[in-house]
Amino acid sequence: LAEYDAGGWVQAVKWSPSGNHLAFVSQNSTLTVVDVTQGAPGVTQTVYINDLPLRDLYWVSDTQIVGAGHGCKPLLFELSGSTW
């Protein structure tokens, strides 16, 4: 059990296919990814989006997330090393 700061209303929450990562998007135009491989609370990374907020997420694989929302275009986020 863990609690994470979202910085705004949470729009979508999705687990990765492996269950090793939890991703959520907030109304403040951020994507937060939590690595829970070491247990809760896990390591969090927040990506600030220079666009309107996302409304939903789709895990393409364990290293790729597609987000879509108010900006009317899909955005691809990819894990590179240990950074989103």
PDB file of N, CA and C in Angstrom:
ATOM      1  N   LEU A   1       0.843  -1.160   0.000  1.00  0.00           N
ATOM      2  CA  LEU A   1       0.000   0.000   0.000  1.00  0.00           C
ATOM      3  C   LEU A   1       0.889   1.223   0.000  1.00  0.00           C
ATOM      4  N   ALA A   2       0.628   2.174  -0.880  1.00  0.00           N
ATOM      5  CA  ALA A   2       1.436   3.392  -0.964  1.00  0.00           C
ATOM      6  C   ALA A   2       0.562   4.541  -1.449  1.00  0.00           C
ATOM      7  N   GLU A   3       1.012   5.747  -1.161  1.00  0.00           N
ATOM      8  CA  GLU A   3       0.315   6.946  -1.592  1.00  0.00           C
ATOM      9  C   GLU A   3       1.305   7.807  -2.360  1.00  0.00           C
ATOM     10  N   TYR A   4       0.871   8.347  -3.501  1.00  0.00           N
ATOM     11  CA  TYR A   4       1.741   9.144  -4.358  1.00  0.00           C
ATOM     12  C   TYR A   4       1.117  10.511  -4.612  1.00  0.00           C
ATOM     13  N   ASP A   5       1.960  11.525  -4.676  1.00  0.00           N
ATOM     14  CA  ASP A   5       1.485  12.872  -4.979  1.00  0.00           C
ATOM     15  C   ASP A   5       1.205  12.974  -6.471  1.00  0.00           C
ATOM     16  N   ALA A   6      -0.015  13.374  -6.812  1.00  0.00           N
ATOM     17  CA  ALA A   6      -0.405  13.480  -8.215  1.00  0.00           C
ATOM     18  C   ALA A   6      -0.343  14.916  -8.717  1.00  0.00           C
ATOM     19  N   GLY A   7      -0.363  15.896  -7.833  1.00  0.00           N
ATOM     20  CA  GLY A   7      -0.299  17.288  -8.257  1.00  0.00           C
ATOM     21  C   GLY A   7      -1.554  17.800  -8.922  1.00  0.00           C
ATOM     22  N   GLY A   8      -2.612  17.045  -8.890  1.00  0.00           N
ATOM     23  CA  GLY A   8      -3.873  17.435  -9.516  1.00  0.00           C
ATOM     24  C   GLY A   8      -4.799  16.239  -9.574  1.00  0.00           C
ATOM     25  N   TRP A   9      -5.953  16.423 -10.180  1.00  0.00           N
ATOM     26  CA  TRP A   9      -6.886  15.316 -10.329  1.00  0.00           C
ATOM     27  C   TRP A   9      -6.271  14.234 -11.197  1.00  0.00           C
ATOM     28  N   VAL A  10      -6.377  13.017 -10.770  1.00  0.00           N
ATOM     29  CA  VAL A  10      -5.857  11.885 -11.548  1.00  0.00           C
ATOM     30  C   VAL A  10      -6.874  11.532 -12.622  1.00  0.00           C
ATOM     31  N   GLN A  11      -6.396  11.438 -13.860  1.00  0.00           N
ATOM     32  CA  GLN A  11      -7.268  11.146 -15.001  1.00  0.00           C
ATOM     33  C   GLN A  11      -7.273   9.664 -15.367  1.00  0.00           C
ATOM     34  N   ALA A  12      -6.134   8.984 -15.210  1.00  0.00           N
ATOM     35  CA  ALA A  12      -6.044   7.563 -15.570  1.00  0.00           C
ATOM     36  C   ALA A  12      -4.921   6.913 -14.780  1.00  0.00           C
ATOM     37  N   VAL A  13      -5.102   5.644 -14.452  1.00  0.00           N
ATOM     38  CA  VAL A  13      -4.107   4.845 -13.743  1.00  0.00           C
ATOM     39  C   VAL A  13      -4.038   3.493 -14.439  1.00  0.00           C
ATOM     40  N   LYS A  14      -2.826   3.053 -14.800  1.00  0.00           N
ATOM     41  CA  LYS A  14      -2.682   1.764 -15.479  1.00  0.00           C
ATOM     42  C   LYS A  14      -1.413   1.055 -15.004  1.00  0.00           C
ATOM     43  N   TRP A  15      -1.496  -0.269 -14.845  1.00  0.00           N
ATOM     44  CA  TRP A  15      -0.341  -1.105 -14.541  1.00  0.00           C
ATOM     45  C   TRP A  15       0.300  -1.562 -15.853  1.00  0.00           C
ATOM     46  N   SER A  16       1.625  -1.715 -15.836  1.00  0.00           N
ATOM     47  CA  SER A  16       2.333  -2.253 -17.000  1.00  0.00           C
ATOM     48  C   SER A  16       1.971  -3.728 -17.157  1.00  0.00           C
ATOM     49  N   PRO A  17       2.198  -4.303 -18.338  1.00  0.00           N
ATOM     50  CA  PRO A  17       1.861  -5.717 -18.551  1.00  0.00           C
ATOM     51  C   PRO A  17       2.527  -6.656 -17.550  1.00  0.00           C
ATOM     52  N   SER A  18       3.757  -6.351 -17.133  1.00  0.00           N
ATOM     53  CA  SER A  18       4.463  -7.211 -16.185  1.00  0.00           C
ATOM     54  C   SER A  18       4.041  -6.960 -14.741  1.00  0.00           C
ATOM     55  N   GLY A  19       3.392  -5.817 -14.490  1.00  0.00           N
ATOM     56  CA  GLY A  19       3.031  -5.452 -13.132  1.00  0.00           C
ATOM     57  C   GLY A  19       4.157  -4.794 -12.362  1.00  0.00           C
ATOM     58  N   ASN A  20       5.273  -4.481 -13.033  1.00  0.00           N
ATOM     59  CA  ASN A  20       6.429  -3.869 -12.379  1.00  0.00           C
ATOM     60  C   ASN A  20       6.345  -2.348 -12.298  1.00  0.00           C
ATOM     61  N   HIS A  21       5.477  -1.738 -13.091  1.00  0.00           N
ATOM     62  CA  HIS A  21       5.350  -0.282 -13.110  1.00  0.00           C
ATOM     63  C   HIS A  21       3.878   0.113 -13.025  1.00  0.00           C
ATOM     64  N   LEU A  22       3.651   1.226 -12.347  1.00  0.00           N
ATOM     65  CA  LEU A  22       2.330   1.831 -12.269  1.00  0.00           C
ATOM     66  C   LEU A  22       2.446   3.222 -12.863  1.00  0.00           C
ATOM     67  N   ALA A  23       1.573   3.564 -13.790  1.00  0.00           N
ATOM     68  CA  ALA A  23       1.611   4.885 -14.418  1.00  0.00           C
ATOM     69  C   ALA A  23       0.280   5.586 -14.191  1.00  0.00           C
ATOM     70  N   PHE A  24       0.362   6.903 -13.972  1.00  0.00           N
ATOM     71  CA  PHE A  24      -0.864   7.685 -13.881  1.00  0.00           C
ATOM     72  C   PHE A  24      -0.628   9.075 -14.442  1.00  0.00           C
ATOM     73  N   VAL A  25      -1.697   9.651 -14.992  1.00  0.00           N
ATOM     74  CA  VAL A  25      -1.651  11.006 -15.532  1.00  0.00           C
ATOM     75  C   VAL A  25      -2.594  11.884 -14.721  1.00  0.00           C
ATOM     76  N   SER A  26      -2.186  13.152 -14.581  1.00  0.00           N
ATOM     77  CA  SER A  26      -2.942  14.097 -13.769  1.00  0.00           C
ATOM     78  C   SER A  26      -3.364  15.302 -14.580  1.00  0.00           C
ATOM     79  N   GLN A  27      -4.296  16.042 -14.025  1.00  0.00           N
ATOM     80  CA  GLN A  27      -4.828  17.241 -14.665  1.00  0.00           C
ATOM     81  C   GLN A  27      -3.771  18.334 -14.821  1.00  0.00           C
ATOM     82  N   ASN A  28      -2.635  18.220 -14.111  1.00  0.00           N
ATOM     83  CA  ASN A  28      -1.580  19.232 -14.216  1.00  0.00           C
ATOM     84  C   ASN A  28      -0.583  18.915 -15.332  1.00  0.00           C
ATOM     85  N   SER A  29      -0.982  18.117 -16.302  1.00  0.00           N
ATOM     86  CA  SER A  29      -0.153  17.760 -17.474  1.00  0.00           C
ATOM     87  C   SER A  29       1.125  17.035 -17.084  1.00  0.00           C
ATOM     88  N   THR A  30       0.992  16.017 -16.237  1.00  0.00           N
ATOM     89  CA  THR A  30       2.139  15.186 -15.881  1.00  0.00           C
ATOM     90  C   THR A  30       1.805  13.719 -16.061  1.00  0.00           C
ATOM     91  N   LEU A  31       2.850  12.961 -16.364  1.00  0.00           N
ATOM     92  CA  LEU A  31       2.802  11.501 -16.353  1.00  0.00           C
ATOM     93  C   LEU A  31       3.740  11.075 -15.243  1.00  0.00           C
ATOM     94  N   THR A  32       3.266  10.261 -14.330  1.00  0.00           N
ATOM     95  CA  THR A  32       4.109   9.735 -13.262  1.00  0.00           C
ATOM     96  C   THR A  32       4.179   8.231 -13.414  1.00  0.00           C
ATOM     97  N   VAL A  33       5.398   7.690 -13.374  1.00  0.00           N
ATOM     98  CA  VAL A  33       5.608   6.251 -13.471  1.00  0.00           C
ATOM     99  C   VAL A  33       6.316   5.806 -12.196  1.00  0.00           C
ATOM    100  N   VAL A  34       5.773   4.777 -11.570  1.00  0.00           N
ATOM    101  CA  VAL A  34       6.316   4.250 -10.324  1.00  0.00           C
ATOM    102  C   VAL A  34       6.877   2.861 -10.600  1.00  0.00           C
ATOM    103  N   ASP A  35       8.144   2.649 -10.266  1.00  0.00           N
ATOM    104  CA  ASP A  35       8.783   1.341 -10.381  1.00  0.00           C
ATOM    105  C   ASP A  35       8.609   0.638  -9.041  1.00  0.00           C
ATOM    106  N   VAL A  36       7.814  -0.418  -9.010  1.00  0.00           N
ATOM    107  CA  VAL A  36       7.529  -1.107  -7.760  1.00  0.00           C
ATOM    108  C   VAL A  36       8.273  -2.434  -7.630  1.00  0.00           C
ATOM    109  N   THR A  37       9.324  -2.625  -8.435  1.00  0.00           N
ATOM    110  CA  THR A  37      10.065  -3.880  -8.384  1.00  0.00           C
ATOM    111  C   THR A  37      10.756  -4.095  -7.046  1.00  0.00           C
ATOM    112  N   GLN A  38      11.054  -3.014  -6.333  1.00  0.00           N
ATOM    113  CA  GLN A  38      11.676  -3.131  -5.011  1.00  0.00           C
ATOM    114  C   GLN A  38      10.644  -3.036  -3.896  1.00  0.00           C
ATOM    115  N   GLY A  39       9.366  -3.063  -4.243  1.00  0.00           N
ATOM    116  CA  GLY A  39       8.295  -2.953  -3.265  1.00  0.00           C
ATOM    117  C   GLY A  39       7.828  -1.517  -3.124  1.00  0.00           C
ATOM    118  N   ALA A  40       6.792  -1.328  -2.327  1.00  0.00           N
ATOM    119  CA  ALA A  40       6.243   0.015  -2.101  1.00  0.00           C
ATOM    120  C   ALA A  40       7.151   0.769  -1.142  1.00  0.00           C
ATOM    121  N   PRO A  41       7.320   2.067  -1.268  1.00  0.00           N
ATOM    122  CA  PRO A  41       6.575   2.938  -2.157  1.00  0.00           C
ATOM    123  C   PRO A  41       7.104   2.974  -3.579  1.00  0.00           C
ATOM    124  N   GLY A  42       8.290   2.476  -3.852  1.00  0.00           N
ATOM    125  CA  GLY A  42       8.817   2.454  -5.206  1.00  0.00           C
ATOM    126  C   GLY A  42       9.486   3.754  -5.606  1.00  0.00           C
ATOM    127  N   VAL A  43      10.156   3.716  -6.743  1.00  0.00           N
ATOM    128  CA  VAL A  43      10.854   4.887  -7.280  1.00  0.00           C
ATOM    129  C   VAL A  43       9.929   5.568  -8.276  1.00  0.00           C
ATOM    130  N   THR A  44       9.679   6.858  -8.088  1.00  0.00           N
ATOM    131  CA  THR A  44       8.780   7.574  -8.988  1.00  0.00           C
ATOM    132  C   THR A  44       9.554   8.505  -9.906  1.00  0.00           C
ATOM    133  N   GLN A  45       9.068   8.620 -11.126  1.00  0.00           N
ATOM    134  CA  GLN A  45       9.572   9.589 -12.100  1.00  0.00           C
ATOM    135  C   GLN A  45       8.376  10.328 -12.669  1.00  0.00           C
ATOM    136  N   THR A  46       8.496  11.642 -12.722  1.00  0.00           N
ATOM    137  CA  THR A  46       7.420  12.460 -13.260  1.00  0.00           C
ATOM    138  C   THR A  46       7.886  13.143 -14.536  1.00  0.00           C
ATOM    139  N   VAL A  47       7.097  13.016 -15.593  1.00  0.00           N
ATOM    140  CA  VAL A  47       7.367  13.650 -16.879  1.00  0.00           C
ATOM    141  C   VAL A  47       6.397  14.811 -17.022  1.00  0.00           C
ATOM    142  N   TYR A  48       6.932  16.011 -17.227  1.00  0.00           N
ATOM    143  CA  TYR A  48       6.097  17.196 -17.422  1.00  0.00           C
ATOM    144  C   TYR A  48       5.818  17.354 -18.910  1.00  0.00           C
ATOM    145  N   ILE A  49       4.556  17.458 -19.266  1.00  0.00           N
ATOM    146  CA  ILE A  49       4.128  17.495 -20.657  1.00  0.00           C
ATOM    147  C   ILE A  49       3.848  18.941 -21.046  1.00  0.00           C
ATOM    148  N   ASN A  50       4.439  19.400 -22.142  1.00  0.00           N
ATOM    149  CA  ASN A  50       4.212  20.761 -22.640  1.00  0.00           C
ATOM    150  C   ASN A  50       2.993  20.791 -23.550  1.00  0.00           C
ATOM    151  N   ASP A  51       1.891  20.305 -23.045  1.00  0.00           N
ATOM    152  CA  ASP A  51       0.660  20.241 -23.814  1.00  0.00           C
ATOM    153  C   ASP A  51      -0.494  20.150 -22.828  1.00  0.00           C
ATOM    154  N   LEU A  52      -1.681  20.034 -23.344  1.00  0.00           N
ATOM    155  CA  LEU A  52      -2.856  19.878 -22.498  1.00  0.00           C
ATOM    156  C   LEU A  52      -2.819  18.522 -21.793  1.00  0.00           C
ATOM    157  N   PRO A  53      -3.558  18.361 -20.711  1.00  0.00           N
ATOM    158  CA  PRO A  53      -3.503  17.112 -19.942  1.00  0.00           C
ATOM    159  C   PRO A  53      -3.941  15.889 -20.736  1.00  0.00           C
ATOM    160  N   LEU A  54      -3.367  14.753 -20.362  1.00  0.00           N
ATOM    161  CA  LEU A  54      -3.760  13.473 -20.929  1.00  0.00           C
ATOM    162  C   LEU A  54      -4.969  12.949 -20.165  1.00  0.00           C
ATOM    163  N   ARG A  55      -5.777  12.137 -20.844  1.00  0.00           N
ATOM    164  CA  ARG A  55      -6.975  11.569 -20.229  1.00  0.00           C
ATOM    165  C   ARG A  55      -6.898  10.055 -20.064  1.00  0.00           C
ATOM    166  N   ASP A  56      -6.033   9.392 -20.859  1.00  0.00           N
ATOM    167  CA  ASP A  56      -5.950   7.943 -20.762  1.00  0.00           C
ATOM    168  C   ASP A  56      -4.566   7.466 -21.168  1.00  0.00           C
ATOM    169  N   LEU A  57      -4.229   6.263 -20.736  1.00  0.00           N
ATOM    170  CA  LEU A  57      -2.931   5.646 -21.017  1.00  0.00           C
ATOM    171  C   LEU A  57      -3.141   4.256 -21.579  1.00  0.00           C
ATOM    172  N   TYR A  58      -2.162   3.823 -22.381  1.00  0.00           N
ATOM    173  CA  TYR A  58      -2.142   2.457 -22.889  1.00  0.00           C
ATOM    174  C   TYR A  58      -0.695   1.981 -22.889  1.00  0.00           C
ATOM    175  N   TRP A  59      -0.416   0.887 -22.202  1.00  0.00           N
ATOM    176  CA  TRP A  59       0.931   0.311 -22.201  1.00  0.00           C
ATOM    177  C   TRP A  59       1.086  -0.516 -23.472  1.00  0.00           C
ATOM    178  N   VAL A  60       1.977  -0.098 -24.360  1.00  0.00           N
ATOM    179  CA  VAL A  60       2.272  -0.850 -25.578  1.00  0.00           C
ATOM    180  C   VAL A  60       3.130  -2.053 -25.219  1.00  0.00           C
ATOM    181  N   SER A  61       4.086  -1.837 -24.320  1.00  0.00           N
ATOM    182  CA  SER A  61       4.961  -2.879 -23.784  1.00  0.00           C
ATOM    183  C   SER A  61       5.414  -2.401 -22.408  1.00  0.00           C
ATOM    184  N   ASP A  62       6.316  -3.133 -21.775  1.00  0.00           N
ATOM    185  CA  ASP A  62       6.815  -2.705 -20.469  1.00  0.00           C
ATOM    186  C   ASP A  62       7.699  -1.467 -20.548  1.00  0.00           C
ATOM    187  N   THR A  63       8.074  -1.058 -21.747  1.00  0.00           N
ATOM    188  CA  THR A  63       8.959   0.102 -21.894  1.00  0.00           C
ATOM    189  C   THR A  63       8.340   1.230 -22.717  1.00  0.00           C
ATOM    190  N   GLN A  64       7.081   1.088 -23.112  1.00  0.00           N
ATOM    191  CA  GLN A  64       6.428   2.121 -23.920  1.00  0.00           C
ATOM    192  C   GLN A  64       4.991   2.349 -23.448  1.00  0.00           C
ATOM    193  N   ILE A  65       4.653   3.637 -23.320  1.00  0.00           N
ATOM    194  CA  ILE A  65       3.304   4.039 -22.931  1.00  0.00           C
ATOM    195  C   ILE A  65       2.794   5.052 -23.955  1.00  0.00           C
ATOM    196  N   VAL A  66       1.573   4.885 -24.385  1.00  0.00           N
ATOM    197  CA  VAL A  66       0.922   5.881 -25.231  1.00  0.00           C
ATOM    198  C   VAL A  66      -0.130   6.584 -24.383  1.00  0.00           C
ATOM    199  N   GLY A  67      -0.104   7.912 -24.433  1.00  0.00           N
ATOM    200  CA  GLY A  67      -1.095   8.713 -23.728  1.00  0.00           C
ATOM    201  C   GLY A  67      -1.856   9.571 -24.710  1.00  0.00           C
ATOM    202  N   ALA A  68      -3.129   9.770 -24.444  1.00  0.00           N
ATOM    203  CA  ALA A  68      -3.957  10.617 -25.302  1.00  0.00           C
ATOM    204  C   ALA A  68      -4.873  11.445 -24.419  1.00  0.00           C
ATOM    205  N   GLY A  69      -5.241  12.610 -24.940  1.00  0.00           N
ATOM    206  CA  GLY A  69      -6.111  13.451 -24.130  1.00  0.00           C
ATOM    207  C   GLY A  69      -6.550  14.716 -24.818  1.00  0.00           C
ATOM    208  N   HIS A  70      -6.558  15.800 -24.060  1.00  0.00           N
ATOM    209  CA  HIS A  70      -7.089  17.074 -24.525  1.00  0.00           C
ATOM    210  C   HIS A  70      -6.266  17.709 -25.646  1.00  0.00           C
ATOM    211  N   GLY A  71      -5.027  17.281 -25.836  1.00  0.00           N
ATOM    212  CA  GLY A  71      -4.198  17.828 -26.900  1.00  0.00           C
ATOM    213  C   GLY A  71      -4.539  17.278 -28.273  1.00  0.00           C
ATOM    214  N   CYS A  72      -5.450  16.285 -28.318  1.00  0.00           N
ATOM    215  CA  CYS A  72      -5.952  15.698 -29.579  1.00  0.00           C
ATOM    216  C   CYS A  72      -4.873  15.034 -30.415  1.00  0.00           C
ATOM    217  N   LYS A  73      -3.816  14.543 -29.764  1.00  0.00           N
ATOM    218  CA  LYS A  73      -2.808  13.757 -30.477  1.00  0.00           C
ATOM    219  C   LYS A  73      -2.185  12.784 -29.485  1.00  0.00           C
ATOM    220  N   PRO A  74      -1.882  11.568 -29.921  1.00  0.00           N
ATOM    221  CA  PRO A  74      -1.257  10.609 -29.012  1.00  0.00           C
ATOM    222  C   PRO A  74       0.210  10.975 -28.760  1.00  0.00           C
ATOM    223  N   LEU A  75       0.673  10.697 -27.547  1.00  0.00           N
ATOM    224  CA  LEU A  75       2.072  10.927 -27.184  1.00  0.00           C
ATOM    225  C   LEU A  75       2.680   9.596 -26.766  1.00  0.00           C
ATOM    226  N   LEU A  76       3.885   9.317 -27.252  1.00  0.00           N
ATOM    227  CA  LEU A  76       4.589   8.085 -26.912  1.00  0.00           C
ATOM    228  C   LEU A  76       5.671   8.399 -25.886  1.00  0.00           C
ATOM    229  N   PHE A  77       5.674   7.661 -24.784  1.00  0.00           N
ATOM    230  CA  PHE A  77       6.695   7.778 -23.759  1.00  0.00           C
ATOM    231  C   PHE A  77       7.452   6.456 -23.746  1.00  0.00           C
ATOM    232  N   GLU A  78       8.783   6.551 -23.709  1.00  0.00           N
ATOM    233  CA  GLU A  78       9.606   5.354 -23.790  1.00  0.00           C
ATOM    234  C   GLU A  78      10.655   5.355 -22.687  1.00  0.00           C
ATOM    235  N   LEU A  79      10.837   4.185 -22.079  1.00  0.00           N
ATOM    236  CA  LEU A  79      11.847   4.016 -21.048  1.00  0.00           C
ATOM    237  C   LEU A  79      13.211   3.862 -21.721  1.00  0.00           C
ATOM    238  N   SER A  80      14.132   4.764 -21.405  1.00  0.00           N
ATOM    239  CA  SER A  80      15.481   4.737 -21.976  1.00  0.00           C
ATOM    240  C   SER A  80      16.454   4.593 -20.815  1.00  0.00           C
ATOM    241  N   GLY A  81      17.002   3.397 -20.658  1.00  0.00           N
ATOM    242  CA  GLY A  81      17.841   3.129 -19.490  1.00  0.00           C
ATOM    243  C   GLY A  81      16.943   3.043 -18.270  1.00  0.00           C
ATOM    244  N   SER A  82      17.043   4.046 -17.405  1.00  0.00           N
ATOM    245  CA  SER A  82      16.154   4.081 -16.222  1.00  0.00           C
ATOM    246  C   SER A  82      15.321   5.355 -16.208  1.00  0.00           C
ATOM    247  N   THR A  83      15.246   6.063 -17.343  1.00  0.00           N
ATOM    248  CA  THR A  83      14.544   7.340 -17.424  1.00  0.00           C
ATOM    249  C   THR A  83      13.430   7.283 -18.455  1.00  0.00           C
ATOM    250  N   TRP A  84      12.285   7.814 -18.059  1.00  0.00           N
ATOM    251  CA  TRP A  84      11.161   7.924 -18.997  1.00  0.00           C
ATOM    252  C   TRP A  84      11.272   9.195 -19.782  1.00  0.00           C
TER     253      TRP A  84
END
